[in-house]
Every structure is written in structure tokens, then in C-alpha cells.
Protein backbone atom coordinates (compact mmCIF):
# COMPACT_ATOMS: atom_id res chain seq x y z
CA MET A 1 69.56 35.12 51.71
CA PRO A 2 68.55 33.63 55.31
CA THR A 3 70.76 32.75 58.11
CA MET A 4 71.02 29.31 58.49
CA ASP A 5 71.57 29.46 62.57
CA THR A 6 67.72 28.72 63.20
CA VAL A 7 67.90 26.14 60.50
CA LEU A 8 69.95 24.02 59.00
CA PRO A 9 74.13 24.58 58.55
CA LEU A 10 75.41 25.88 55.31
CA VAL A 11 78.25 23.72 54.06
CA ASP A 12 80.61 24.69 50.72
CA ILE A 13 81.80 21.59 49.30
CA SER A 14 83.60 23.00 46.24
CA ASN A 15 87.09 23.22 47.92
CA PRO A 16 86.57 19.59 50.11
CA SER A 17 88.43 19.92 52.90
CA ALA A 18 88.70 18.30 56.82
CA GLU A 19 86.34 21.43 58.00
CA ALA A 20 83.67 20.84 55.26
CA GLY A 21 83.86 17.23 56.69
CA GLN A 22 83.40 17.97 60.30
CA LYS A 23 80.76 20.02 59.57
CA LEU A 24 78.76 17.57 57.51
CA TYR A 25 79.38 15.25 60.41
CA GLU A 26 77.99 17.11 62.91
CA ALA A 27 75.10 17.97 61.07
CA ALA A 28 74.53 14.32 60.02
CA SER A 29 74.96 13.37 63.84
CA THR A 30 72.62 15.89 65.04
CA LEU A 31 69.25 16.07 62.83
CA GLY A 32 70.66 14.35 59.65
CA PHE A 33 69.68 17.30 57.54
CA VAL A 34 72.01 20.05 55.80
CA PHE A 35 72.01 22.34 52.92
CA ILE A 36 75.30 22.61 50.52
CA GLU A 37 76.51 24.94 47.61
CA GLY A 38 79.46 24.24 45.88
CA SER A 39 78.14 21.80 44.00
CA GLY A 40 79.12 22.79 40.53
CA PHE A 41 75.34 22.70 39.56
CA THR A 42 74.29 25.11 37.32
CA SER A 43 71.51 27.22 37.51
CA ASP A 44 70.23 26.31 34.13
CA GLU A 45 70.93 22.30 34.69
CA VAL A 46 68.39 22.47 37.17
CA ASN A 47 66.21 24.65 35.34
CA LYS A 48 66.16 22.89 32.84
CA MET A 49 64.92 19.19 34.55
CA PHE A 50 62.18 21.15 36.41
CA GLY A 51 60.49 22.29 32.89
CA LEU A 52 60.59 18.32 31.52
CA SER A 53 59.40 17.39 35.37
CA ALA A 54 56.47 20.00 34.36
CA GLU A 55 55.95 19.00 30.68
CA PHE A 56 55.33 15.48 31.81
CA PHE A 57 52.97 15.98 34.67
CA SER A 58 50.72 18.23 32.44
CA GLN A 59 50.12 15.83 30.23
CA PRO A 60 46.69 13.01 30.53
CA TYR A 61 47.11 10.83 33.23
CA ASP A 62 46.46 7.61 30.61
CA ASP A 63 49.52 8.93 28.69
CA LYS A 64 51.36 9.16 31.69
CA GLN A 65 50.38 5.49 33.37
CA LYS A 66 51.94 3.78 30.09
CA TYR A 67 55.22 4.27 32.15
CA ALA A 68 53.57 2.75 35.57
CA ILE A 69 55.81 2.34 38.44
CA SER A 70 57.23 -1.28 38.55
CA GLU A 71 58.95 -3.15 41.03
CA ALA A 72 62.32 -2.19 40.07
CA ASN A 73 60.65 1.49 41.50
CA ARG A 74 61.35 2.78 38.21
CA GLY A 75 58.39 4.71 36.18
CA TYR A 76 55.60 7.21 36.92
CA SER A 77 53.51 6.50 40.35
CA CYS A 78 50.20 8.53 40.01
CA MET A 79 48.14 10.46 42.78
CA ASN A 80 47.91 8.56 45.84
CA ARG A 81 50.10 5.00 43.97
CA GLU A 82 52.66 5.67 47.33
CA VAL A 83 52.11 5.13 51.17
CA LEU A 84 55.11 6.74 52.73
CA ASP A 85 53.76 6.97 56.17
CA THR A 86 52.47 3.14 56.32
CA THR A 87 50.49 3.83 59.50
CA GLU A 88 48.29 5.95 56.82
CA LYS A 89 45.52 3.63 54.73
CA ARG A 90 45.10 7.00 52.19
CA GLY A 91 48.18 7.38 49.65
CA ASP A 92 49.99 10.14 49.09
CA PRO A 93 48.63 13.37 47.11
CA LYS A 94 51.47 13.52 44.80
CA GLU A 95 52.64 12.66 41.28
CA ALA A 96 56.24 10.87 40.67
CA PHE A 97 58.59 9.55 38.05
CA ASN A 98 61.39 7.71 38.84
CA PHE A 99 64.44 6.91 36.48
CA GLY A 100 66.49 3.97 37.40
CA GLN A 101 70.16 3.49 36.65
CA PHE A 102 71.79 4.62 32.92
CA LYS A 103 74.05 2.27 31.08
CA ASP A 104 76.24 4.16 28.31
CA ASP A 105 74.21 7.10 29.60
CA LYS A 106 71.39 4.96 27.83
CA ALA A 107 68.02 4.54 30.58
CA VAL A 108 67.13 0.64 31.29
CA GLN A 109 63.79 1.32 31.04
CA PRO A 110 61.13 2.71 28.52
CA LEU A 111 60.64 6.56 28.54
CA PRO A 112 57.85 8.81 27.40
CA GLN A 113 59.02 11.38 24.62
CA THR A 114 58.88 14.19 26.80
CA PHE A 115 62.14 12.29 28.63
CA SER A 116 63.65 10.14 25.39
CA THR A 117 64.54 13.64 23.58
CA PHE A 118 66.14 14.93 25.91
CA GLU A 119 68.44 11.07 27.53
CA GLN A 120 71.63 12.24 27.30
CA ASP A 121 70.21 15.30 29.39
CA ILE A 122 68.61 13.42 32.44
CA ALA A 123 72.00 10.94 32.25
CA ASP A 124 74.31 13.66 32.95
CA PHE A 125 71.96 15.28 35.33
CA SER A 126 72.23 11.87 37.04
CA LYS A 127 75.22 11.26 37.09
CA LYS A 128 76.40 14.59 38.75
CA CYS A 129 73.86 14.10 41.37
CA HIS A 130 75.84 10.48 42.12
CA SER A 131 79.17 12.09 41.45
CA THR A 132 78.05 14.94 44.51
CA CYS A 133 77.16 11.98 46.84
CA HIS A 134 80.70 10.46 46.46
CA LYS A 135 81.90 13.75 47.54
CA LEU A 136 79.51 14.01 50.21
CA LEU A 137 80.30 10.37 51.25
CA ASP A 138 84.50 10.66 50.93
CA LEU A 139 84.34 14.25 53.46
CA LEU A 140 82.31 11.89 55.82
CA ALA A 141 84.12 8.62 55.40
CA GLY A 142 87.16 11.34 56.68
CA ALA A 143 85.53 13.01 59.66
CA LEU A 144 84.53 8.87 60.84
CA GLN A 145 88.35 9.00 60.98
CA ILE A 146 88.14 5.23 59.32
CA ASP A 147 91.64 3.65 58.89
CA PRO A 148 93.54 4.00 55.41
CA ASP A 149 94.26 0.27 55.58
CA GLN A 150 90.13 -0.51 55.36
CA GLY A 151 88.88 2.17 52.94
CA GLY A 152 89.67 5.51 54.61
CA ALA A 153 87.84 8.09 53.03
CA LYS A 154 86.79 5.64 49.80
CA TRP A 155 85.20 3.61 52.83
CA PHE A 156 81.22 4.42 51.34
CA SER A 157 81.92 5.73 48.25
CA SER A 158 83.96 2.37 46.54
CA ARG A 159 80.52 0.85 48.22
CA HIS A 160 78.27 3.13 45.34
CA ASP A 161 80.72 2.10 42.07
CA MET A 162 77.38 2.90 39.77
CA ARG A 163 78.91 -0.27 37.67
CA HIS A 164 76.93 -2.22 40.13
CA VAL A 165 73.56 -2.95 39.97
CA SER A 166 71.61 -0.58 42.96
CA GLY A 167 68.72 1.09 44.20
CA SER A 168 69.98 4.64 43.22
CA ILE A 169 66.97 6.73 41.36
CA LEU A 170 66.45 10.54 40.20
CA ARG A 171 62.81 11.52 41.31
CA LEU A 172 60.75 13.76 39.81
CA LEU A 173 58.17 15.17 42.10
CA TYR A 174 54.64 16.88 41.41
CA TYR A 175 52.54 18.34 44.16
CA PRO A 176 49.50 19.55 43.21
CA ALA A 177 47.96 22.89 44.96
CA VAL A 178 46.28 22.48 47.93
CA ARG A 179 43.02 24.55 48.86
CA ASN A 180 41.95 26.12 51.72
CA GLY A 181 39.71 24.02 53.65
CA ASP A 182 41.62 21.12 51.67
CA GLU A 183 41.91 19.24 54.76
CA GLU A 184 42.68 15.66 53.56
CA ASN A 185 45.21 16.68 51.05
CA GLU A 186 47.06 18.65 53.99
CA ILE A 187 50.10 16.14 54.16
CA ARG A 188 51.38 15.67 51.05
CA ALA A 189 54.18 13.09 51.56
CA GLY A 190 53.26 11.34 54.77
CA ALA A 191 56.45 10.99 57.35
CA HIS A 192 59.06 8.82 56.46
CA THR A 193 62.95 7.97 56.79
CA ASP A 194 64.40 7.51 52.62
CA TYR A 195 65.81 4.37 52.34
CA GLY A 196 69.04 4.65 51.12
CA SER A 197 72.39 6.13 52.15
CA MET A 198 71.59 9.71 51.39
CA THR A 199 69.24 12.12 49.23
CA LEU A 200 69.94 15.30 47.47
CA LEU A 201 66.63 17.51 47.30
CA PHE A 202 66.07 20.52 44.62
CA GLN A 203 63.57 22.61 45.31
CA ARG A 204 62.67 26.04 44.76
CA GLU A 205 61.45 29.30 46.42
CA GLY A 206 57.78 29.91 46.86
CA GLU A 207 57.36 25.85 46.39
CA GLU A 208 58.25 24.95 49.92
CA GLY A 209 56.67 21.98 51.84
CA LEU A 210 59.49 19.98 53.68
CA GLU A 211 59.30 19.76 57.27
CA VAL A 212 61.84 17.67 59.56
CA LEU A 213 60.98 15.87 62.98
CA SER A 214 63.40 17.00 65.40
CA PRO A 215 64.87 14.55 67.73
CA VAL A 216 65.43 17.11 70.41
CA THR A 217 62.33 18.69 70.52
CA ASN A 218 60.14 16.29 68.67
CA GLU A 219 58.38 19.18 66.72
CA TRP A 220 58.70 19.44 62.85
CA ILE A 221 61.13 22.31 61.53
CA ALA A 222 60.07 23.68 57.99
CA ILE A 223 62.86 23.75 56.10
CA PRO A 224 62.98 26.56 53.59
CA ALA A 225 63.76 27.10 50.08
CA LEU A 226 67.46 29.44 49.68
CA GLN A 227 68.07 31.74 47.14
CA ALA A 228 71.09 30.77 45.04
CA LYS A 229 73.88 33.44 45.61
CA ASP A 230 74.14 34.13 41.77
CA SER A 231 72.55 33.75 38.73
CA LYS A 232 74.27 30.85 37.41
CA SER A 233 74.76 28.55 40.59
CA CYS A 234 71.54 26.60 41.42
CA PRO A 235 70.10 27.51 44.96
CA PRO A 236 71.40 25.17 48.03
CA ILE A 237 70.85 21.62 47.40
CA VAL A 238 69.10 20.28 50.97
CA VAL A 239 71.26 17.12 51.91
CA ASN A 240 69.78 14.23 54.18
CA ILE A 241 70.89 10.88 55.78
CA ALA A 242 69.33 7.72 55.29
CA ASP A 243 68.63 4.58 56.42
CA GLN A 244 72.06 2.80 55.05
CA LEU A 245 74.00 5.68 56.52
CA SER A 246 72.50 4.71 59.75
CA PHE A 247 72.82 1.17 59.64
CA TRP A 248 76.34 1.48 58.98
CA SER A 249 77.62 4.48 61.32
CA ALA A 250 75.15 2.37 64.03
CA GLY A 251 72.67 4.77 64.15
CA VAL A 252 75.40 7.99 64.56
CA LEU A 253 74.08 9.67 61.11
CA LYS A 254 70.48 10.20 61.77
CA SER A 255 67.98 9.11 59.11
CA ALA A 256 65.42 11.59 60.92
CA LEU A 257 61.93 11.47 59.90
CA HIS A 258 60.46 14.19 57.23
CA ARG A 259 57.54 14.84 55.47
CA VAL A 260 55.90 17.59 53.33
CA LYS A 261 52.95 19.68 54.28
CA PHE A 262 52.29 22.83 52.23
CA PRO A 263 52.82 26.27 54.34
CA GLN A 264 49.67 28.31 54.84
CA LYS A 265 51.34 30.76 52.27
CA GLN A 266 51.41 28.05 49.51
CA VAL A 267 48.14 26.99 50.88
CA SER A 268 46.99 31.04 49.91
CA SER A 269 49.00 31.30 46.65
CA GLY A 270 47.33 27.96 45.16
CA ALA A 271 51.11 27.13 43.58
CA ASP A 272 51.96 23.91 42.85
CA ARG A 273 55.12 22.26 44.12
CA TYR A 274 57.54 20.85 42.08
CA SER A 275 61.16 19.07 43.54
CA MET A 276 63.59 16.45 42.18
CA ALA A 277 65.48 14.23 44.60
CA TYR A 278 68.58 12.09 44.16
CA PHE A 279 68.37 8.79 46.30
CA CYS A 280 71.72 7.30 46.39
CA HIS A 281 72.39 3.97 47.47
CA PRO A 282 75.16 1.65 47.37
CA ALA A 283 75.71 -2.07 45.77
CA ASP A 284 72.31 -3.94 46.19
CA THR A 285 74.69 -6.42 47.70
CA CYS A 286 76.65 -4.62 50.37
CA PRO A 287 76.16 -5.64 53.53
CA LEU A 288 74.57 -3.30 56.37
CA GLU A 289 77.39 -3.94 58.95
CA PRO A 290 78.90 -1.28 61.02
CA VAL A 291 81.78 1.13 58.97
CA PRO A 292 84.89 0.12 60.92
CA SER A 293 85.49 3.73 62.65
CA PRO A 294 86.80 4.46 66.30
CA LEU A 295 85.11 7.36 66.38
CA ILE A 296 81.65 5.10 66.03
CA GLN A 297 83.16 2.36 68.21
CA SER A 298 83.86 4.68 71.04
CA LEU A 299 80.70 6.15 70.94
CA GLU A 300 79.24 3.10 71.63
CA ALA A 301 75.68 4.07 69.64
CA GLU A 302 72.73 2.07 69.04
CA GLY A 303 72.45 0.64 66.46
CA ALA A 304 69.56 1.57 64.19
CA ASN A 305 69.68 -2.25 62.29
CA ALA A 306 68.45 -4.06 64.88
CA GLU A 307 68.56 -7.33 62.82
CA ALA A 308 72.59 -6.76 62.97
CA LYS A 309 72.17 -7.58 66.67
CA ASN A 310 70.95 -10.99 66.16
CA GLY A 311 73.91 -11.84 63.65
CA GLN A 312 71.64 -10.75 61.29
CA VAL A 313 72.90 -8.00 58.91
CA LEU A 314 70.91 -6.56 55.79
CA THR A 315 71.77 -5.88 52.55
CA ALA A 316 71.34 -2.59 50.90
CA GLY A 317 68.70 -4.43 48.49
CA GLU A 318 67.17 -6.42 51.01
CA HIS A 319 66.46 -3.28 52.59
CA LEU A 320 65.10 -1.14 49.99
CA ALA A 321 63.13 -4.23 48.83
CA ARG A 322 61.02 -4.24 52.55
CA ARG A 323 60.70 -0.99 52.39
CA LEU A 324 59.61 -0.56 48.62
CA ALA A 325 57.31 -3.30 49.16
CA ALA A 326 55.83 -0.95 52.38
CA ALA A 327 54.76 1.28 50.10
CA TYR A 328 53.49 0.21 47.03
CA SER A 329 51.72 -3.23 49.11
CA TRP A 330 54.17 -5.24 46.65
CA LYS A 331 54.67 -8.66 47.58
CA GLN A 332 58.48 -9.88 48.55
């Protein structure tokens, strides 16, 4: 396995501890990206989801388009439909399918047969993603030294109760192969920050492309796909801080710009890229006001949510609606 010293730190969360929380905090407050292992996901679970993804995206366009993405951010997004870098006019050359929340293990959206046949498996995978995010959120809240009387280590996770309506999404992604000389498709997903609190990214060796913009050097850092430590475990998962945790932490936790750009070896191989992301969001009604952390207050960080300085605090749902409207040219 490659060393993480020059790329991202690797944090084992199998036995949550103050040390693991501190490592997460250090990563979250610098680059905003980290690898985790010990999540409990098995290779079989992850490979099954990748198999369903490949099966769906291989189907004819007209069949997929029957489940076109709605303003609820659920369904199929076709090639060039989404514009993550809103300074660009051309959409991203990728496809995606978004699963919203599940109620009693049933999707609250129409599903194609490829997915409806395995609805329980998908619901279980989504729940496991959310549970993993809860563990990470508790570790970060502990590192932020939040007073137990004000919520303590559960301050973040209590706002991510799955019984409430939220923007949490499990997203399957497909990036068709890039050919040499195909410069128009060089950037597969435009530079952007994620909209929620944090994101889990599952990727496979030989299908890299994630790049993160360093706030220190202002250069793009290529993030590798790592090997699993054994045949039963899934490879380390990439975790990144997103907008809402940055708002809550007054900018201490970094929601960093990132993009997808195929490395030259992938262009040369002609391989497609599949990845899966779980975008974790708090309840839509949660205000994105600063967390009561003495650590954050002592740092006197500049708030990421500029509107909060003017006495206006966005809710999680309002922020998501604004970002989606920009990405899909929807009216708010």
C-alpha cells in the first residue's frame, strides 16, 4: 500500500478514540480531505454496488432518461446535464444516478428494475454510509471540545437524524473513457465544493481522477485509489469536508475545491471510471450557525457563511437549493 505521508492521512475509525478524532480534525482543518479505514464495509458490499452501477449505465439512454433527475435531486443525470463549475457553460461529461432517502427500506422515488430488484441492498448500503458519517461527525465534535451541556460529541450527529427530511444522497457515477486528444473532455467534473456536511467517496484502483486544490500551494493534488488491507475489506474511503460543516465551524473545517480529471495513464488505457459518493446532509431545517466550540471561538476564524455576518443564517435546505439551482439551471 502506498504511503499516505505525501498525499492524505489515513485514519482508522474501527475503534473511535480521541486520537482518531484529533487526526480527523487536523486533516479537516487543513486540506479538508482524509482516507479512512475500519469503516466496516466489506469488499462484497462495495463490489455489488459497483456491479449494479455498471449494469444501469450500460442501458440505452431512453431507458435511463425515464428516471431523469428531478428538482428533489433524485434520479438520472445524463451526460453534460450538471454544471459543477458554474463558471463553465458546458456541462460535465459524466452520468449519475441519485438515490434520496429511504423510508422503511423503500425508496421515495421511482427506481428502474436494475435497482428495484436490489432495493434492500441499496437501502442497507445507504444506511451504512450514514452510520459511518455519524461516527465521523461524533469524532470531529469531540475534537472541537463542545460542552456536553450543549450537545457535546453528539452536536453534529443529532442534527443528522435520518427520521428528518434531508438532502442526503447516495450517488452512482460513471465517467466514460477519455481518448488521447479529446481535450474537451479533459475535465470530467468541474471544480466545486460539496454542498452537505461531509462526503464519502468509494473509488477503484486504475480508475483514478480525483484532484484537490491545495489551499497552501494553490496546486491540484491527485488523490490515488488505495488497495484494501485484505480481501474481505473494502479499500480505504476518501472523506471530505463539505460546505455545511465549514459554515458550522466558521471556516475552521475546510470545504476544499476538487474536481475529476483523468490522469494520463487512465487516458492511455482507455478505461472508464466508476465511483460512488454518499453526500451526508443534516435535516433541511437546521440553521448553519456557528457550533458552540471554545476551540473555534479561540481561533477567531473567518466564517465561510458570509451571510451569517449580516444576521442572516441559511438553513441546510436553503443552501442545498441554491447550489442545485446553479448546477442544473433550476429556478429557486
